[in-house]
């Protein structure tokens, strides 16, 4: 068959069929090209949307990290203040105990003096002193309550 001659009519028919096929192929490829362009536009829009969402999420995470750092620093300051207040409370509690002991010794000594020599103190003076001692004890109790609230 390789040695057979092709007639002009056969060649023209082949050329006509080939041009029809070529036209159909180009038409089909153009349709595919349009579909790919539409798909590309859709994908670009989706990628832009996802990119925007990732950017928004990134900003939120950064803001949360900043808040976390601020909270952590504030907590550190609160802990330092608490330790300082705890030390202050310890010193204040020791002072209150010393005052309590001194007051107790004064009361004991006052009772001894009143019992030993009635002329040293009149009953009214003793009652006045006891009222003042009770007032001081009330103030000490208030101070303890204030320290306990901290």
N, C-alpha and C. Protein backbone atom coordinates (compact mmCIF):
# COMPACT_ATOMS: atom_id res chain seq x y z
N UNK A 1 0.80 -1.19 0.00
CA UNK A 1 0.00 0.00 0.00
C UNK A 1 0.84 1.25 0.00
N UNK A 2 2.00 1.13 0.47
CA UNK A 2 2.85 2.29 0.52
C UNK A 2 3.19 2.79 -0.87
N UNK A 3 3.14 1.91 -1.84
CA UNK A 3 3.49 2.30 -3.19
C UNK A 3 2.30 2.81 -3.98
N UNK A 4 1.11 2.82 -3.42
CA UNK A 4 -0.08 3.26 -4.14
C UNK A 4 -0.11 4.77 -4.18
N UNK A 5 -0.63 5.28 -5.27
CA UNK A 5 -0.76 6.71 -5.44
C UNK A 5 -2.08 7.18 -4.88
N UNK A 6 -2.05 8.36 -4.30
CA UNK A 6 -3.27 8.95 -3.74
C UNK A 6 -3.81 9.89 -4.80
N UNK A 7 -5.06 9.74 -5.08
CA UNK A 7 -5.67 10.59 -6.08
C UNK A 7 -6.05 11.91 -5.44
N UNK A 8 -6.26 12.88 -6.25
CA UNK A 8 -6.62 14.21 -5.77
C UNK A 8 -7.96 14.17 -5.06
N UNK A 9 -8.88 13.40 -5.51
CA UNK A 9 -10.20 13.31 -4.89
C UNK A 9 -10.09 12.69 -3.51
N UNK A 10 -9.25 11.64 -3.39
CA UNK A 10 -9.07 11.00 -2.08
C UNK A 10 -8.38 11.98 -1.14
N UNK A 11 -7.37 12.68 -1.68
CA UNK A 11 -6.66 13.65 -0.86
C UNK A 11 -7.58 14.76 -0.39
N UNK A 12 -8.44 15.26 -1.29
CA UNK A 12 -9.38 16.33 -0.94
C UNK A 12 -10.38 15.84 0.11
N UNK A 13 -10.82 14.61 -0.02
CA UNK A 13 -11.75 14.05 0.97
C UNK A 13 -11.05 13.94 2.33
N UNK A 14 -9.79 13.46 2.26
CA UNK A 14 -9.02 13.35 3.51
C UNK A 14 -8.82 14.73 4.14
N UNK A 15 -8.44 15.71 3.29
CA UNK A 15 -8.22 17.06 3.79
C UNK A 15 -9.49 17.64 4.38
N UNK A 16 -10.62 17.39 3.72
CA UNK A 16 -11.91 17.90 4.23
C UNK A 16 -12.25 17.24 5.56
N UNK A 17 -12.05 15.94 5.66
CA UNK A 17 -12.32 15.22 6.91
C UNK A 17 -11.37 15.69 8.02
N UNK A 18 -10.10 15.89 7.61
CA UNK A 18 -9.10 16.34 8.60
C UNK A 18 -9.43 17.74 9.10
N UNK A 19 -9.87 18.63 8.21
CA UNK A 19 -10.23 19.98 8.62
C UNK A 19 -11.45 19.96 9.54
N UNK A 20 -12.42 19.11 9.26
CA UNK A 20 -13.59 18.95 10.13
C UNK A 20 -13.17 18.47 11.51
N UNK A 21 -12.27 17.43 11.49
CA UNK A 21 -11.77 16.92 12.77
C UNK A 21 -10.99 18.00 13.51
N UNK A 22 -10.16 18.74 12.75
CA UNK A 22 -9.36 19.82 13.35
C UNK A 22 -10.28 20.88 13.95
N UNK A 23 -11.34 21.24 13.24
CA UNK A 23 -12.29 22.24 13.72
C UNK A 23 -12.98 21.75 15.01
N UNK A 24 -13.43 20.48 15.00
CA UNK A 24 -14.05 19.91 16.18
C UNK A 24 -13.06 19.87 17.36
N UNK A 25 -11.80 19.50 17.05
CA UNK A 25 -10.78 19.42 18.10
C UNK A 25 -10.52 20.80 18.70
N UNK A 26 -10.36 21.81 17.85
CA UNK A 26 -10.14 23.18 18.36
C UNK A 26 -11.33 23.66 19.16
N UNK A 27 -12.53 23.34 18.69
CA UNK A 27 -13.74 23.74 19.41
C UNK A 27 -13.78 23.06 20.78
N UNK A 28 -13.47 21.80 20.80
CA UNK A 28 -13.47 21.04 22.06
C UNK A 28 -12.37 21.59 22.99
N UNK A 29 -11.19 21.82 22.44
CA UNK A 29 -10.08 22.35 23.26
C UNK A 29 -10.41 23.76 23.77
N UNK A 30 -11.10 24.55 22.98
CA UNK A 30 -11.51 25.90 23.42
C UNK A 30 -12.47 25.79 24.59
N UNK A 31 -13.40 24.82 24.52
CA UNK A 31 -14.34 24.60 25.62
C UNK A 31 -13.60 24.18 26.88
N UNK A 32 -12.64 23.27 26.71
CA UNK A 32 -11.84 22.83 27.86
C UNK A 32 -11.06 24.00 28.44
N UNK A 33 -10.50 24.84 27.56
CA UNK A 33 -9.74 26.01 27.99
C UNK A 33 -10.62 26.95 28.80
N UNK A 34 -11.87 27.18 28.32
CA UNK A 34 -12.79 28.06 29.05
C UNK A 34 -13.13 27.46 30.42
N UNK A 35 -13.32 26.14 30.45
CA UNK A 35 -13.62 25.49 31.72
C UNK A 35 -12.44 25.61 32.69
N UNK A 36 -11.22 25.44 32.16
CA UNK A 36 -10.05 25.60 33.03
C UNK A 36 -9.91 27.03 33.54
N UNK A 37 -10.21 28.00 32.69
CA UNK A 37 -10.15 29.41 33.12
C UNK A 37 -11.18 29.67 34.22
N UNK A 38 -12.39 29.15 34.06
CA UNK A 38 -13.43 29.32 35.08
C UNK A 38 -13.01 28.63 36.38
N UNK A 39 -12.43 27.44 36.25
CA UNK A 39 -11.96 26.71 37.43
C UNK A 39 -10.83 27.49 38.11
N UNK A 40 -9.93 28.04 37.30
CA UNK A 40 -8.82 28.83 37.85
C UNK A 40 -9.34 30.06 38.60
N UNK A 41 -10.33 30.74 38.03
CA UNK A 41 -10.91 31.90 38.71
C UNK A 41 -11.57 31.50 40.02
N UNK A 42 -12.31 30.39 40.00
CA UNK A 42 -12.96 29.90 41.22
C UNK A 42 -11.92 29.54 42.27
N UNK A 43 -10.87 28.85 41.83
CA UNK A 43 -9.82 28.45 42.78
C UNK A 43 -9.09 29.68 43.33
N UNK A 44 -8.82 30.66 42.47
CA UNK A 44 -8.16 31.88 42.95
C UNK A 44 -9.03 32.61 43.97
N UNK A 45 -10.34 32.66 43.71
CA UNK A 45 -11.25 33.30 44.66
C UNK A 45 -11.24 32.54 45.98
N UNK A 46 -11.26 31.21 45.91
CA UNK A 46 -11.23 30.41 47.15
C UNK A 46 -9.90 30.59 47.88
N UNK A 47 -8.80 30.58 47.13
CA UNK A 47 -7.49 30.78 47.77
C UNK A 47 -7.42 32.16 48.42
N UNK A 48 -7.97 33.17 47.74
CA UNK A 48 -8.00 34.51 48.34
C UNK A 48 -8.82 34.51 49.62
N UNK A 49 -9.96 33.82 49.57
CA UNK A 49 -10.83 33.75 50.75
C UNK A 49 -10.11 33.03 51.90
N UNK A 50 -9.50 31.89 51.60
CA UNK A 50 -8.77 31.13 52.63
C UNK A 50 -7.59 31.95 53.15
N UNK A 51 -6.90 32.63 52.24
CA UNK A 51 -5.79 33.49 52.66
C UNK A 51 -6.26 34.58 53.60
N UNK A 52 -7.40 35.18 53.30
CA UNK A 52 -7.96 36.22 54.18
C UNK A 52 -8.32 35.65 55.55
N UNK A 53 -8.91 34.45 55.53
CA UNK A 53 -9.26 33.82 56.80
C UNK A 53 -8.01 33.48 57.61
N UNK A 54 -6.96 33.01 56.94
CA UNK A 54 -5.71 32.70 57.64
C UNK A 54 -5.08 33.98 58.20
N UNK A 55 -5.15 35.07 57.44
CA UNK A 55 -4.63 36.34 57.95
C UNK A 55 -5.40 36.79 59.19
N UNK A 56 -6.73 36.69 59.14
CA UNK A 56 -7.55 37.08 60.29
C UNK A 56 -7.23 36.20 61.48
N UNK A 57 -7.09 34.91 61.24
CA UNK A 57 -6.75 33.98 62.32
C UNK A 57 -5.37 34.29 62.90
N UNK A 58 -4.44 34.60 62.04
CA UNK A 58 -3.09 34.95 62.49
C UNK A 58 -3.12 36.20 63.37
N UNK A 59 -3.90 37.21 62.97
CA UNK A 59 -4.02 38.43 63.77
C UNK A 59 -4.63 38.12 65.14
N UNK A 60 -5.64 37.25 65.16
CA UNK A 60 -6.27 36.89 66.43
C UNK A 60 -5.29 36.15 67.33
N UNK A 61 -4.51 35.25 66.74
CA UNK A 61 -3.52 34.50 67.53
C UNK A 61 -2.47 35.46 68.09
N UNK A 62 -2.01 36.39 67.26
CA UNK A 62 -1.02 37.37 67.74
C UNK A 62 -1.60 38.22 68.87
N UNK A 63 -2.87 38.62 68.74
CA UNK A 63 -3.51 39.41 69.79
C UNK A 63 -3.63 38.58 71.07
N UNK A 64 -3.99 37.31 70.92
CA UNK A 64 -4.08 36.43 72.09
C UNK A 64 -2.71 36.22 72.74
N UNK A 65 -1.67 36.12 71.93
CA UNK A 65 -0.33 35.98 72.48
C UNK A 65 0.05 37.24 73.27
N UNK A 66 -0.28 38.42 72.72
CA UNK A 66 -0.01 39.66 73.45
C UNK A 66 -0.77 39.70 74.77
N UNK A 67 -2.03 39.30 74.74
CA UNK A 67 -2.82 39.28 75.97
C UNK A 67 -2.24 38.28 76.96
N UNK A 68 -1.78 37.13 76.46
CA UNK A 68 -1.18 36.12 77.33
C UNK A 68 0.06 36.68 78.02
N UNK A 69 0.90 37.38 77.26
CA UNK A 69 2.11 37.96 77.85
C UNK A 69 1.73 39.00 78.90
N UNK A 70 0.74 39.84 78.60
CA UNK A 70 0.31 40.86 79.56
C UNK A 70 -0.26 40.21 80.83
N UNK A 71 -1.06 39.18 80.66
CA UNK A 71 -1.63 38.48 81.82
C UNK A 71 -0.53 37.83 82.64
N UNK A 72 0.43 37.23 81.97
CA UNK A 72 1.54 36.57 82.67
C UNK A 72 2.34 37.60 83.46
N UNK A 73 2.62 38.75 82.87
CA UNK A 73 3.35 39.79 83.59
C UNK A 73 2.54 40.31 84.78
N UNK A 74 1.23 40.52 84.57
CA UNK A 74 0.37 40.97 85.66
C UNK A 74 0.33 39.95 86.79
N UNK A 75 0.28 38.69 86.44
CA UNK A 75 0.27 37.63 87.45
C UNK A 75 1.59 37.63 88.22
N UNK A 76 2.68 37.87 87.53
CA UNK A 76 3.98 37.95 88.20
C UNK A 76 4.01 39.10 89.21
N UNK A 77 3.44 40.24 88.80
CA UNK A 77 3.39 41.38 89.73
C UNK A 77 2.51 41.06 90.93
N UNK A 78 1.36 40.40 90.67
CA UNK A 78 0.48 40.03 91.77
C UNK A 78 1.17 39.07 92.74
N UNK A 79 1.90 38.11 92.20
CA UNK A 79 2.62 37.16 93.06
C UNK A 79 3.66 37.88 93.90
N UNK A 80 4.40 38.83 93.29
CA UNK A 80 5.40 39.59 94.04
C UNK A 80 4.73 40.42 95.15
N UNK A 81 3.61 41.05 94.80
CA UNK A 81 2.88 41.84 95.81
C UNK A 81 2.36 40.94 96.93
N UNK A 82 1.89 39.76 96.57
CA UNK A 82 1.38 38.84 97.58
C UNK A 82 2.50 38.41 98.52
N UNK A 83 3.67 38.12 97.96
CA UNK A 83 4.80 37.74 98.81
C UNK A 83 5.19 38.89 99.74
N UNK A 84 5.16 40.11 99.22
CA UNK A 84 5.49 41.27 100.05
C UNK A 84 4.45 41.43 101.15
N UNK A 85 3.16 41.27 100.80
CA UNK A 85 2.11 41.39 101.80
C UNK A 85 2.21 40.27 102.84
N UNK A 86 2.60 39.10 102.39
CA UNK A 86 2.76 37.99 103.31
C UNK A 86 3.86 38.29 104.33
N UNK A 87 4.97 38.85 103.84
CA UNK A 87 6.07 39.23 104.74
C UNK A 87 5.61 40.34 105.69
N UNK A 88 4.89 41.33 105.14
CA UNK A 88 4.36 42.41 105.99
C UNK A 88 3.42 41.85 107.04
N UNK A 89 2.57 40.92 106.65
CA UNK A 89 1.64 40.32 107.60
C UNK A 89 2.39 39.59 108.70
N UNK A 90 3.45 38.88 108.34
CA UNK A 90 4.25 38.17 109.34
C UNK A 90 4.83 39.13 110.37
N UNK A 91 5.37 40.25 109.87
CA UNK A 91 5.95 41.25 110.79
C UNK A 91 4.85 41.88 111.64
N UNK A 92 3.71 42.19 111.03
CA UNK A 92 2.61 42.80 111.76
C UNK A 92 2.05 41.84 112.81
N UNK A 93 1.95 40.58 112.44
CA UNK A 93 1.45 39.58 113.38
C UNK A 93 2.39 39.45 114.57
N UNK A 94 3.70 39.48 114.32
CA UNK A 94 4.66 39.40 115.42
C UNK A 94 4.53 40.62 116.33
N UNK A 95 4.34 41.80 115.74
CA UNK A 95 4.18 43.02 116.54
C UNK A 95 2.90 42.94 117.38
N UNK A 96 1.83 42.43 116.80
CA UNK A 96 0.56 42.31 117.53
C UNK A 96 0.74 41.35 118.70
N UNK A 97 1.45 40.25 118.48
CA UNK A 97 1.69 39.30 119.57
C UNK A 97 2.51 39.95 120.69
N UNK A 98 3.53 40.73 120.30
CA UNK A 98 4.33 41.42 121.33
C UNK A 98 3.47 42.41 122.10
N UNK A 99 2.62 43.15 121.39
CA UNK A 99 1.72 44.10 122.06
C UNK A 99 0.76 43.37 122.99
N UNK A 100 0.27 42.24 122.52
CA UNK A 100 -0.63 41.42 123.34
C UNK A 100 0.07 40.98 124.63
N UNK A 101 1.31 40.53 124.51
CA UNK A 101 2.06 40.10 125.69
C UNK A 101 2.29 41.28 126.65
N UNK A 102 2.68 42.43 126.08
CA UNK A 102 2.92 43.60 126.93
C UNK A 102 1.63 44.02 127.64
N UNK A 103 0.53 43.99 126.91
CA UNK A 103 -0.76 44.37 127.49
C UNK A 103 -1.15 43.40 128.60
N UNK A 104 -0.89 42.15 128.38
CA UNK A 104 -1.19 41.16 129.40
C UNK A 104 -0.35 41.39 130.66
N UNK A 105 0.94 41.71 130.46
CA UNK A 105 1.81 41.99 131.61
C UNK A 105 1.34 43.25 132.34
N UNK A 106 0.92 44.26 131.60
CA UNK A 106 0.43 45.50 132.21
C UNK A 106 -0.82 45.23 133.02
N UNK A 107 -1.74 44.45 132.45
CA UNK A 107 -2.97 44.11 133.18
C UNK A 107 -2.64 43.37 134.48
N UNK A 108 -1.74 42.42 134.38
CA UNK A 108 -1.35 41.64 135.56
C UNK A 108 -0.73 42.56 136.61
N UNK A 109 0.18 43.41 136.16
CA UNK A 109 0.86 44.32 137.10
C UNK A 109 -0.14 45.29 137.71
N UNK A 110 -1.10 45.77 136.90
CA UNK A 110 -2.11 46.69 137.39
C UNK A 110 -2.98 46.02 138.45
N UNK A 111 -3.37 44.79 138.17
CA UNK A 111 -4.17 44.05 139.16
C UNK A 111 -3.38 43.85 140.45
N UNK A 112 -2.08 43.56 140.32
CA UNK A 112 -1.24 43.39 141.52
C UNK A 112 -1.15 44.68 142.31
N UNK A 113 -0.98 45.78 141.59
CA UNK A 113 -0.88 47.07 142.28
C UNK A 113 -2.18 47.44 142.98
N UNK A 114 -3.28 47.22 142.34
CA UNK A 114 -4.58 47.54 142.92
C UNK A 114 -4.83 46.66 144.13
N UNK A 115 -4.48 45.39 144.03
CA UNK A 115 -4.70 44.46 145.14
C UNK A 115 -3.78 44.79 146.31
N UNK A 116 -2.54 45.20 146.02
CA UNK A 116 -1.57 45.45 147.07
C UNK A 116 -1.83 46.77 147.80
N UNK A 117 -2.20 47.74 147.10
CA UNK A 117 -2.36 49.05 147.72
C UNK A 117 -3.55 49.75 147.09
N UNK A 118 -4.69 49.74 147.75
CA UNK A 118 -5.88 50.36 147.19
C UNK A 118 -5.74 51.87 147.00
N UNK A 119 -4.88 52.48 147.75
CA UNK A 119 -4.79 53.93 147.61
C UNK A 119 -4.05 54.37 146.36
N UNK A 120 -3.30 53.47 145.71
CA UNK A 120 -2.57 53.85 144.49
C UNK A 120 -3.52 54.16 143.34
N UNK A 121 -4.59 53.45 143.33
CA UNK A 121 -5.51 53.67 142.22
C UNK A 121 -6.93 53.61 142.73
N UNK A 122 -7.67 54.51 142.31
CA UNK A 122 -9.09 54.50 142.64
C UNK A 122 -9.81 53.55 141.70
N UNK A 123 -10.94 53.08 142.15
CA UNK A 123 -11.70 52.15 141.31
C UNK A 123 -12.06 52.79 139.97
N UNK A 124 -12.41 54.03 139.96
CA UNK A 124 -12.77 54.72 138.71
C UNK A 124 -11.58 54.75 137.76
N UNK A 125 -10.38 54.97 138.32
CA UNK A 125 -9.18 54.99 137.47
C UNK A 125 -8.93 53.60 136.87
N UNK A 126 -9.11 52.58 137.68
CA UNK A 126 -8.90 51.21 137.21
C UNK A 126 -9.92 50.88 136.12
N UNK A 127 -11.16 51.26 136.37
CA UNK A 127 -12.18 50.98 135.35
C UNK A 127 -11.89 51.74 134.07
N UNK A 128 -11.43 52.96 134.20
CA UNK A 128 -11.07 53.76 133.02
C UNK A 128 -9.92 53.09 132.26
N UNK A 129 -8.91 52.64 133.02
CA UNK A 129 -7.79 51.97 132.36
C UNK A 129 -8.23 50.67 131.68
N UNK A 130 -9.09 49.92 132.35
CA UNK A 130 -9.58 48.67 131.74
C UNK A 130 -10.39 48.97 130.48
N UNK A 131 -11.19 50.03 130.50
CA UNK A 131 -11.96 50.40 129.31
C UNK A 131 -11.01 50.78 128.17
N UNK A 132 -9.94 51.49 128.51
CA UNK A 132 -8.96 51.86 127.48
C UNK A 132 -8.25 50.62 126.94
N UNK A 133 -7.94 49.66 127.85
CA UNK A 133 -7.31 48.42 127.42
C UNK A 133 -8.24 47.65 126.50
N UNK A 134 -9.52 47.59 126.84
CA UNK A 134 -10.49 46.90 125.98
C UNK A 134 -10.60 47.60 124.62
N UNK A 135 -10.54 48.93 124.65
CA UNK A 135 -10.55 49.68 123.38
C UNK A 135 -9.34 49.34 122.53
N UNK A 136 -8.17 49.25 123.18
CA UNK A 136 -6.96 48.88 122.44
C UNK A 136 -7.08 47.45 121.88
N UNK A 137 -7.64 46.55 122.67
CA UNK A 137 -7.83 45.19 122.19
C UNK A 137 -8.77 45.17 120.98
N UNK A 138 -9.80 46.00 121.02
CA UNK A 138 -10.72 46.09 119.88
C UNK A 138 -10.00 46.60 118.63
N UNK A 139 -9.13 47.59 118.83
CA UNK A 139 -8.38 48.12 117.69
C UNK A 139 -7.42 47.06 117.14
N UNK A 140 -6.82 46.29 118.04
CA UNK A 140 -5.93 45.21 117.60
C UNK A 140 -6.72 44.18 116.79
N UNK A 141 -7.90 43.84 117.28
CA UNK A 141 -8.74 42.88 116.53
C UNK A 141 -9.08 43.42 115.15
N UNK A 142 -9.41 44.73 115.06
CA UNK A 142 -9.71 45.32 113.75
C UNK A 142 -8.50 45.25 112.82
N UNK A 143 -7.31 45.53 113.39
CA UNK A 143 -6.10 45.44 112.57
C UNK A 143 -5.87 44.02 112.08
N UNK A 144 -6.09 43.04 112.93
CA UNK A 144 -5.94 41.64 112.53
C UNK A 144 -6.90 41.30 111.39
N UNK A 145 -8.13 41.76 111.51
CA UNK A 145 -9.13 41.48 110.47
C UNK A 145 -8.73 42.11 109.15
N UNK A 146 -8.20 43.33 109.21
CA UNK A 146 -7.78 44.00 107.99
C UNK A 146 -6.62 43.27 107.34
N UNK A 147 -5.70 42.79 108.14
CA UNK A 147 -4.57 42.05 107.61
C UNK A 147 -5.03 40.72 107.05
N UNK A 148 -5.97 40.06 107.73
CA UNK A 148 -6.48 38.77 107.25
C UNK A 148 -7.20 38.92 105.92
N UNK A 149 -7.86 40.04 105.67
CA UNK A 149 -8.58 40.24 104.40
C UNK A 149 -7.62 40.36 103.23
N UNK A 150 -6.46 40.82 103.44
CA UNK A 150 -5.49 40.97 102.36
C UNK A 150 -5.01 39.63 101.97
